[in-house]
Protein backbone atom coordinates (compact mmCIF):
# COMPACT_ATOMS: atom_id res chain seq x y z
CA MET A 1 5.16 -22.60 -28.19
CA ALA A 2 7.35 -19.34 -26.88
CA MET A 3 4.89 -17.06 -28.54
CA ASP A 4 1.62 -18.71 -26.96
CA ALA A 5 3.15 -18.14 -23.41
CA ASN A 6 3.48 -14.92 -24.09
CA ARG A 7 0.47 -14.12 -24.30
CA PHE A 8 -0.29 -15.49 -19.91
CA ILE A 9 3.10 -13.72 -18.81
CA GLY A 10 3.35 -10.30 -17.60
CA THR A 11 0.93 -7.59 -16.51
CA GLU A 12 -1.53 -5.56 -18.51
CA PRO A 13 -3.21 -2.15 -18.06
CA LEU A 14 -6.50 -2.65 -15.46
CA SER A 15 -10.07 -2.93 -17.75
CA PRO A 16 -11.79 0.04 -18.52
CA GLN A 17 -15.39 -1.99 -17.46
CA SER A 18 -13.16 -2.77 -14.43
CA ARG A 19 -15.46 -2.47 -11.56
CA ILE A 20 -12.36 -1.30 -9.00
CA ASP A 21 -12.33 2.64 -7.41
CA PRO A 22 -8.42 3.01 -7.32
CA GLU A 23 -8.65 5.63 -4.78
CA ARG A 24 -10.99 3.62 -3.01
CA LEU A 25 -8.86 0.76 -2.85
CA ARG A 26 -5.44 2.68 -2.14
CA CYS A 27 -6.96 4.54 1.00
CA TYR A 28 -8.51 1.57 2.34
CA LEU A 29 -4.86 0.25 2.34
CA GLN A 30 -2.59 3.21 3.51
CA ALA A 31 -5.28 3.14 6.55
CA ARG A 32 -4.19 -0.40 7.60
CA LEU A 33 -0.53 -1.36 5.75
CA PRO A 34 2.09 1.24 6.46
CA GLN A 35 4.33 0.13 3.57
CA CYS A 36 1.59 1.12 1.55
CA SER A 37 2.61 5.19 0.89
CA GLY A 38 1.91 7.23 -2.05
CA GLU A 39 0.70 6.88 -5.40
CA MET A 40 -0.64 3.67 -6.32
CA THR A 41 -0.98 2.03 -9.95
CA ILE A 42 -2.43 -1.39 -10.65
CA ALA A 43 -2.08 -3.73 -13.31
CA ARG A 44 -3.51 -6.97 -14.19
CA PHE A 45 -1.75 -10.01 -14.43
CA ARG A 46 -2.11 -11.76 -17.86
CA GLY A 47 -2.42 -15.22 -16.33
CA GLY A 48 -4.89 -17.33 -16.62
CA GLN A 49 -6.72 -16.94 -13.09
CA SER A 50 -10.40 -17.91 -12.26
CA ASN A 51 -9.62 -15.10 -9.90
CA PRO A 52 -9.24 -11.96 -10.78
CA THR A 53 -5.05 -11.19 -10.16
CA LEU A 54 -3.59 -7.59 -9.66
CA LEU A 55 -0.43 -6.23 -8.96
CA LEU A 56 -0.28 -3.06 -6.78
CA THR A 57 2.78 -0.63 -6.80
CA PHE A 58 3.61 1.96 -4.57
CA SER A 59 5.39 5.13 -5.51
CA SER A 60 7.15 4.63 -1.99
CA GLY A 61 8.48 1.04 -3.85
CA THR A 62 6.24 -1.47 -1.97
CA ARG A 63 4.27 -4.32 -4.72
CA LEU A 64 1.67 -5.90 -3.85
CA VAL A 65 -0.52 -8.78 -4.99
CA LEU A 66 -4.30 -8.56 -4.50
CA ARG A 67 -6.88 -11.96 -5.64
CA LYS A 68 -10.30 -10.91 -5.33
CA LYS A 69 -13.26 -12.96 -6.64
CA PRO A 70 -14.63 -12.54 -9.88
CA ASP A 71 -17.60 -9.97 -10.41
CA GLY A 72 -20.80 -11.88 -11.27
CA LYS A 73 -23.07 -14.30 -9.94
CA LEU A 74 -20.81 -17.20 -8.76
CA LEU A 75 -21.52 -20.82 -8.63
CA ALA A 76 -21.20 -22.35 -4.70
CA SER A 77 -18.34 -22.82 -3.05
CA ALA A 78 -16.16 -21.59 -5.94
CA HIS A 79 -13.18 -19.37 -5.82
CA ALA A 80 -13.33 -18.58 -2.05
CA VAL A 81 -10.31 -16.66 -1.62
CA ASP A 82 -11.01 -16.81 2.26
CA ARG A 83 -9.37 -20.18 1.95
CA GLU A 84 -6.37 -19.69 -0.28
CA TYR A 85 -5.49 -16.77 2.37
CA ARG A 86 -5.94 -18.78 5.41
CA VAL A 87 -4.14 -21.69 3.64
CA VAL A 88 -0.99 -19.21 2.59
CA SER A 89 -0.71 -17.58 6.08
CA ALA A 90 -0.69 -21.29 7.71
CA LEU A 91 2.03 -21.95 5.42
CA ALA A 92 4.30 -19.38 6.24
CA GLY A 93 7.71 -20.61 7.54
CA SER A 94 6.10 -24.43 6.31
CA GLY A 95 8.74 -26.66 3.86
CA VAL A 96 6.33 -25.42 1.68
CA PRO A 97 7.13 -21.76 0.02
CA VAL A 98 4.33 -19.75 -0.10
CA ALA A 99 3.72 -15.71 -0.61
CA ARG A 100 3.43 -13.56 2.56
CA THR A 101 0.16 -12.22 3.40
CA HIS A 102 -0.98 -9.22 4.54
CA LEU A 103 -5.01 -8.75 5.05
CA LEU A 104 -8.33 -10.45 3.78
CA CYS A 105 -11.11 -8.01 3.29
CA ASP A 106 -14.99 -8.98 3.04
CA ASP A 107 -16.16 -5.46 2.18
CA GLU A 108 -17.28 -5.95 -0.95
CA SER A 109 -17.74 -1.52 -1.32
CA ILE A 110 -13.42 -1.31 -1.57
CA VAL A 111 -12.85 -3.83 -4.72
CA GLY A 112 -16.61 -4.93 -5.91
CA ALA A 113 -15.36 -8.51 -3.81
CA MET A 114 -13.89 -10.02 -1.08
CA PHE A 115 -10.51 -10.34 -1.53
CA TYR A 116 -6.76 -10.90 -0.03
CA VAL A 117 -2.98 -8.73 -0.01
CA MET A 118 0.06 -10.25 -0.42
CA ASP A 119 3.76 -9.98 -1.07
CA TYR A 120 5.09 -9.70 -4.77
CA VAL A 121 7.56 -12.18 -5.08
CA GLU A 122 9.87 -12.06 -8.12
CA GLY A 123 10.90 -14.48 -9.98
CA ARG A 124 10.55 -16.59 -12.82
CA SER A 125 7.34 -17.95 -14.13
CA PHE A 126 7.22 -20.99 -16.45
CA TRP A 127 4.75 -21.21 -18.66
CA ASP A 128 5.46 -24.14 -20.95
CA PRO A 129 6.54 -27.43 -19.21
CA ALA A 130 9.09 -28.23 -22.19
CA LEU A 131 11.48 -25.30 -20.33
CA PRO A 132 12.77 -24.51 -24.41
CA HIS A 133 14.89 -21.46 -23.38
CA LEU A 134 16.69 -23.88 -20.70
CA SER A 135 19.29 -26.41 -20.97
CA SER A 136 18.78 -30.21 -20.62
CA GLU A 137 20.46 -29.59 -16.69
CA GLU A 138 18.64 -26.55 -16.17
CA ARG A 139 15.27 -28.88 -16.92
CA ARG A 140 16.27 -32.14 -14.82
CA ALA A 141 16.85 -29.24 -11.96
CA ILE A 142 13.70 -27.74 -12.39
CA TYR A 143 11.62 -30.88 -12.60
CA HIS A 144 13.36 -32.65 -9.58
CA GLU A 145 12.52 -29.64 -7.60
CA MET A 146 9.26 -29.78 -8.18
CA ASN A 147 8.49 -33.02 -7.06
CA ARG A 148 10.51 -32.34 -3.97
CA VAL A 149 8.14 -29.72 -3.56
CA VAL A 150 5.03 -31.87 -4.13
CA ALA A 151 6.48 -34.53 -1.94
CA CYS A 152 6.76 -32.28 1.19
CA LEU A 153 3.58 -30.57 0.55
CA HIS A 154 1.92 -33.96 0.52
CA THR A 155 3.89 -34.74 3.87
CA LEU A 156 3.69 -31.71 5.48
CA ASP A 157 1.75 -31.96 9.33
CA HIS A 158 -1.35 -29.76 8.13
CA ALA A 159 -2.33 -30.41 11.95
CA ALA A 160 0.29 -28.50 13.65
CA ARG A 161 -0.04 -25.34 10.34
CA GLY A 162 -3.48 -25.26 12.38
CA LEU A 163 -5.17 -27.09 9.18
CA GLU A 164 -6.66 -30.07 10.37
CA THR A 165 -9.86 -28.29 10.15
CA PHE A 166 -9.50 -27.20 6.32
CA GLY A 167 -11.36 -29.92 4.82
CA ARG A 168 -12.44 -33.55 5.81
CA PRO A 169 -10.27 -35.93 3.94
CA ALA A 170 -12.69 -39.03 4.37
CA ASN A 171 -13.73 -40.17 1.64
CA TYR A 172 -12.09 -37.22 -0.34
CA ILE A 173 -12.67 -38.71 -4.39
CA ALA A 174 -16.20 -39.11 -4.04
CA ARG A 175 -17.03 -36.25 -2.63
CA GLN A 176 -14.79 -34.65 -4.98
CA VAL A 177 -17.02 -36.37 -8.39
CA THR A 178 -20.48 -35.13 -5.98
CA ARG A 179 -19.05 -31.99 -6.01
CA TRP A 180 -17.54 -31.45 -9.73
CA THR A 181 -20.39 -33.41 -10.91
CA THR A 182 -23.27 -30.69 -8.78
CA GLN A 183 -20.37 -27.76 -10.73
CA TYR A 184 -20.49 -29.18 -13.80
CA ARG A 185 -24.39 -29.40 -14.74
CA ALA A 186 -24.63 -25.43 -12.99
CA SER A 187 -22.73 -24.76 -15.97
CA GLU A 188 -23.27 -26.84 -18.71
CA THR A 189 -23.94 -25.00 -21.77
CA VAL A 190 -23.42 -28.08 -24.53
CA SER A 191 -23.87 -32.09 -23.55
CA ILE A 192 -20.22 -33.78 -23.88
CA PRO A 193 -21.63 -37.40 -23.80
CA ALA A 194 -17.80 -38.01 -22.42
CA MET A 195 -18.59 -36.20 -18.84
CA ASP A 196 -22.28 -38.26 -18.68
CA ARG A 197 -20.37 -41.21 -18.95
CA LEU A 198 -17.57 -40.34 -16.75
CA ILE A 199 -20.40 -39.11 -14.45
CA GLU A 200 -21.84 -42.69 -14.01
CA TRP A 201 -18.76 -44.60 -13.60
CA LEU A 202 -16.27 -42.36 -11.38
CA PRO A 203 -18.88 -42.94 -8.07
CA HIS A 204 -18.05 -47.03 -8.98
CA ASN A 205 -14.46 -47.30 -9.42
CA VAL A 206 -12.19 -44.16 -7.05
CA PRO A 207 -9.05 -45.78 -5.98
CA ALA A 208 -9.48 -46.31 -1.96
CA GLU A 209 -7.21 -43.77 0.09
CA SER A 210 -4.33 -45.23 1.72
CA ARG A 211 -3.80 -41.99 3.39
CA HIS A 212 -4.35 -38.12 3.82
CA ALA A 213 -2.38 -34.54 3.46
CA LEU A 214 -2.77 -31.39 2.38
CA LEU A 215 -3.24 -31.01 -1.37
CA HIS A 216 -2.53 -28.09 -3.98
CA GLY A 217 -5.68 -28.81 -5.82
CA ASP A 218 -3.83 -27.33 -9.12
CA PHE A 219 -0.05 -28.26 -8.45
CA ARG A 220 1.73 -27.42 -11.69
CA ILE A 221 4.96 -25.63 -13.38
CA ASP A 222 2.79 -22.28 -14.22
CA ASN A 223 1.66 -22.00 -10.45
CA LEU A 224 5.52 -22.35 -9.35
CA ILE A 225 7.86 -19.12 -9.19
CA PHE A 226 11.21 -20.14 -9.60
CA HIS A 227 14.28 -18.52 -8.06
CA SER A 228 15.69 -16.09 -10.68
CA HIS A 229 18.76 -18.23 -11.79
CA GLU A 230 18.76 -21.28 -9.05
CA ALA A 231 16.14 -24.37 -9.69
CA LYS A 232 14.16 -23.20 -6.41
CA ILE A 233 11.31 -22.37 -5.97
CA ILE A 234 10.03 -19.88 -4.15
CA ALA A 235 6.73 -19.58 -3.92
CA VAL A 236 4.12 -21.74 -4.77
CA VAL A 237 0.66 -19.67 -5.68
CA ASP A 238 -2.99 -20.16 -6.74
CA TRP A 239 -4.36 -22.31 -3.97
CA GLU A 240 -7.88 -21.82 -4.61
CA LEU A 241 -8.32 -25.80 -4.35
CA SER A 242 -6.47 -26.55 -1.69
CA THR A 243 -8.00 -28.66 1.03
CA LEU A 244 -7.68 -31.86 2.71
CA GLY A 245 -7.67 -35.16 0.86
CA ASP A 246 -5.76 -37.83 -0.75
CA PRO A 247 -2.56 -36.94 -1.70
CA MET A 248 -2.26 -39.46 -4.99
CA ALA A 249 -5.01 -37.75 -6.44
CA ASP A 250 -3.38 -34.58 -6.35
CA PHE A 251 0.04 -36.28 -7.81
CA ALA A 252 -2.44 -38.12 -10.48
CA TYR A 253 -3.54 -33.75 -11.47
CA HIS A 254 0.20 -33.14 -11.26
CA MET A 255 1.30 -35.37 -13.79
CA LEU A 256 -1.45 -34.47 -16.36
CA THR A 257 1.05 -32.16 -17.96
CA TRP A 258 3.06 -35.77 -19.34
CA HIS A 259 -0.36 -36.85 -21.08
CA PHE A 260 -1.95 -33.63 -22.32
CA SER A 261 -0.09 -32.57 -26.11
CA PRO A 262 1.59 -29.59 -26.42
CA LYS A 263 -1.21 -28.13 -28.16
CA PRO A 264 -3.49 -27.42 -26.69
CA PHE A 265 -2.71 -28.27 -23.58
CA ARG A 266 0.90 -26.89 -22.94
CA GLY A 267 1.86 -30.30 -22.16
CA LEU A 268 4.67 -32.74 -22.79
CA TYR A 269 3.29 -35.64 -24.42
CA GLY A 270 4.93 -37.16 -27.89
CA LEU A 271 7.70 -34.77 -26.95
CA ASP A 272 11.62 -36.60 -26.47
CA LEU A 273 12.30 -36.67 -22.64
CA ALA A 274 15.22 -38.19 -22.72
CA VAL A 275 16.35 -35.63 -24.95
CA LEU A 276 15.12 -32.65 -23.26
CA GLY A 277 16.44 -34.12 -19.58
CA ILE A 278 12.97 -34.25 -18.20
CA PRO A 279 12.10 -37.10 -16.28
CA ASP A 280 10.07 -40.18 -17.75
CA GLU A 281 6.75 -40.22 -15.89
CA ARG A 282 7.21 -43.64 -14.72
CA SER A 283 10.62 -42.25 -13.47
CA TYR A 284 9.27 -38.73 -11.65
CA ARG A 285 6.28 -40.78 -10.26
CA ASP A 286 8.89 -43.51 -8.73
CA LEU A 287 10.98 -40.28 -7.34
CA TYR A 288 7.40 -38.60 -5.74
CA LEU A 289 6.33 -42.69 -4.26
CA LYS A 290 9.91 -42.64 -2.36
CA ALA A 291 10.21 -39.50 -1.17
CA THR A 292 6.74 -39.85 0.66
CA GLY A 293 7.77 -42.98 1.90
CA GLN A 294 4.64 -44.85 -0.30
CA ALA A 295 4.42 -48.10 -2.47
CA ASN A 296 4.30 -48.83 -6.21
CA VAL A 297 0.55 -47.89 -7.29
CA LEU A 298 -1.29 -50.58 -9.50
CA ASP A 299 -1.86 -49.29 -13.14
CA ARG A 300 -5.63 -49.49 -12.38
CA GLN A 301 -5.50 -47.63 -9.66
CA TRP A 302 -3.15 -45.12 -11.53
CA TYR A 303 -5.51 -44.40 -14.45
CA ALA A 304 -9.24 -44.00 -12.14
CA TYR A 305 -7.01 -41.26 -11.06
CA LEU A 306 -6.43 -39.84 -14.25
CA ALA A 307 -9.77 -40.09 -15.18
CA PHE A 308 -10.48 -38.26 -12.33
CA SER A 309 -8.02 -35.48 -12.48
CA LEU A 310 -9.24 -35.19 -16.20
CA PHE A 311 -12.63 -35.61 -15.08
CA ARG A 312 -11.90 -32.55 -12.78
CA VAL A 313 -10.32 -30.37 -15.02
CA ALA A 314 -13.14 -30.92 -17.39
CA ALA A 315 -15.30 -29.60 -15.10
CA ILE A 316 -13.06 -26.96 -14.36
CA ARG A 317 -12.62 -25.30 -18.14
CA GLN A 318 -17.02 -26.17 -18.15
CA GLY A 319 -17.34 -23.53 -15.27
CA ILE A 320 -14.99 -21.35 -17.22
CA MET A 321 -16.89 -21.32 -20.69
CA LYS A 322 -20.07 -20.69 -18.65
CA ARG A 323 -18.27 -17.38 -17.82
CA VAL A 324 -17.72 -16.81 -20.86
CA VAL A 325 -20.80 -17.36 -21.61
CA ASP A 326 -21.92 -15.13 -18.99
CA GLY A 327 -19.40 -11.85 -19.40
CA THR A 328 -17.55 -12.73 -15.82
CA ALA A 329 -14.35 -14.35 -17.23
CA ALA A 330 -11.07 -13.23 -15.52
CA SER A 331 -9.06 -14.10 -17.97
CA ALA A 332 -9.36 -13.09 -22.33
CA HIS A 333 -8.03 -16.06 -23.43
CA ALA A 334 -10.82 -17.78 -21.16
CA GLY A 335 -12.77 -18.92 -24.38
CA GLU A 336 -9.99 -21.41 -25.71
CA ALA A 337 -9.89 -22.94 -21.93
CA GLY A 338 -13.82 -23.27 -21.86
CA ALA A 339 -13.44 -24.73 -24.90
CA LEU A 340 -11.23 -27.69 -23.95
CA ALA A 341 -13.61 -29.43 -21.90
CA ALA A 342 -14.69 -31.58 -24.28
CA PRO A 343 -11.83 -33.01 -25.65
CA VAL A 344 -10.90 -33.19 -21.84
CA ALA A 345 -13.48 -35.34 -20.75
CA GLU A 346 -12.80 -37.65 -23.82
CA GLN A 347 -9.20 -38.33 -22.84
CA GLY A 348 -10.73 -39.11 -19.29
CA TRP A 349 -13.00 -41.48 -20.40
CA GLN A 350 -9.99 -43.24 -22.41
CA TYR A 351 -8.08 -43.96 -19.11
CA ALA A 352 -11.91 -45.57 -17.38
CA GLU A 353 -11.73 -47.65 -20.17
CA ARG A 354 -7.84 -48.49 -19.57
CA ALA A 355 -8.39 -49.41 -15.88
CA MET A 356 -11.79 -51.51 -16.96
CA ARG A 357 -9.16 -53.43 -19.21
CA THR A 358 -6.55 -53.96 -16.73
């Protein structure tokens, strides 16, 4: 598992096929950011981001991260780096740790697409949720810290951060089902019967919403940067899918890790969590509900949340596969990710069936 994770860790040289002109980018940044002095080198993060993410290193010692839209034709509303820039900027100084942003550029002549620049946050990134190189005590602390930060996000006063218009929170799941159905149909390369069943079932079975909050949209361990030697999150990254809506939907998505197998999904299902020191699903969920002041959720509601979350993941993975087919995928491993759309959809339909039986 560690070898698999190594494919996603660190950086690699920019592809020779890249449309980015390094000299044009260097001149643009140096005219606006005084810390960007000297020569500049560009490397690409190996992780599976849908938005290409680059590390910019200047001879002055400054290191910045650039997030851009992918090249090529994109689905409507996808890869909204301007929204990502807005929310990350708004969260500066809040209880939710984020990197400091510097600028947003909508001039596509600079790197071929809209992009933004933020600080490089140096710390630990974990791709394997089983955390094989840590002790059971360290694992427990890492998971409690994740729980603390997602609860902090979901209880944040987003209006006080200027994000009251960041989304339309009412009827969040129903609108998400419509949105991801549209995205899925636009990127459909093969027929997936389980997705067809979920598309028919979900609109009539979405859980009633009790509260609204700022949602990350992709809150999982590999989108968190931890302190180099403490169980402390120093930055939450990849806010591309953030919006306002039902926090239980966001949390259910976060908890898919407990329902996915170690391979090919990098999940926890089937592992001895007690031995590992990782909270089981019910304990972790109860900890979150207590921290956010919520009552317990009924099993039928929870299964519906999980079915919706898996439907959404399947739609996202189908979008990745479409970019593979079109030749615009951001990651070298995108084909593997896209191929998992069908099994994820099938797992989602299994939870829909559980909801109907409960």
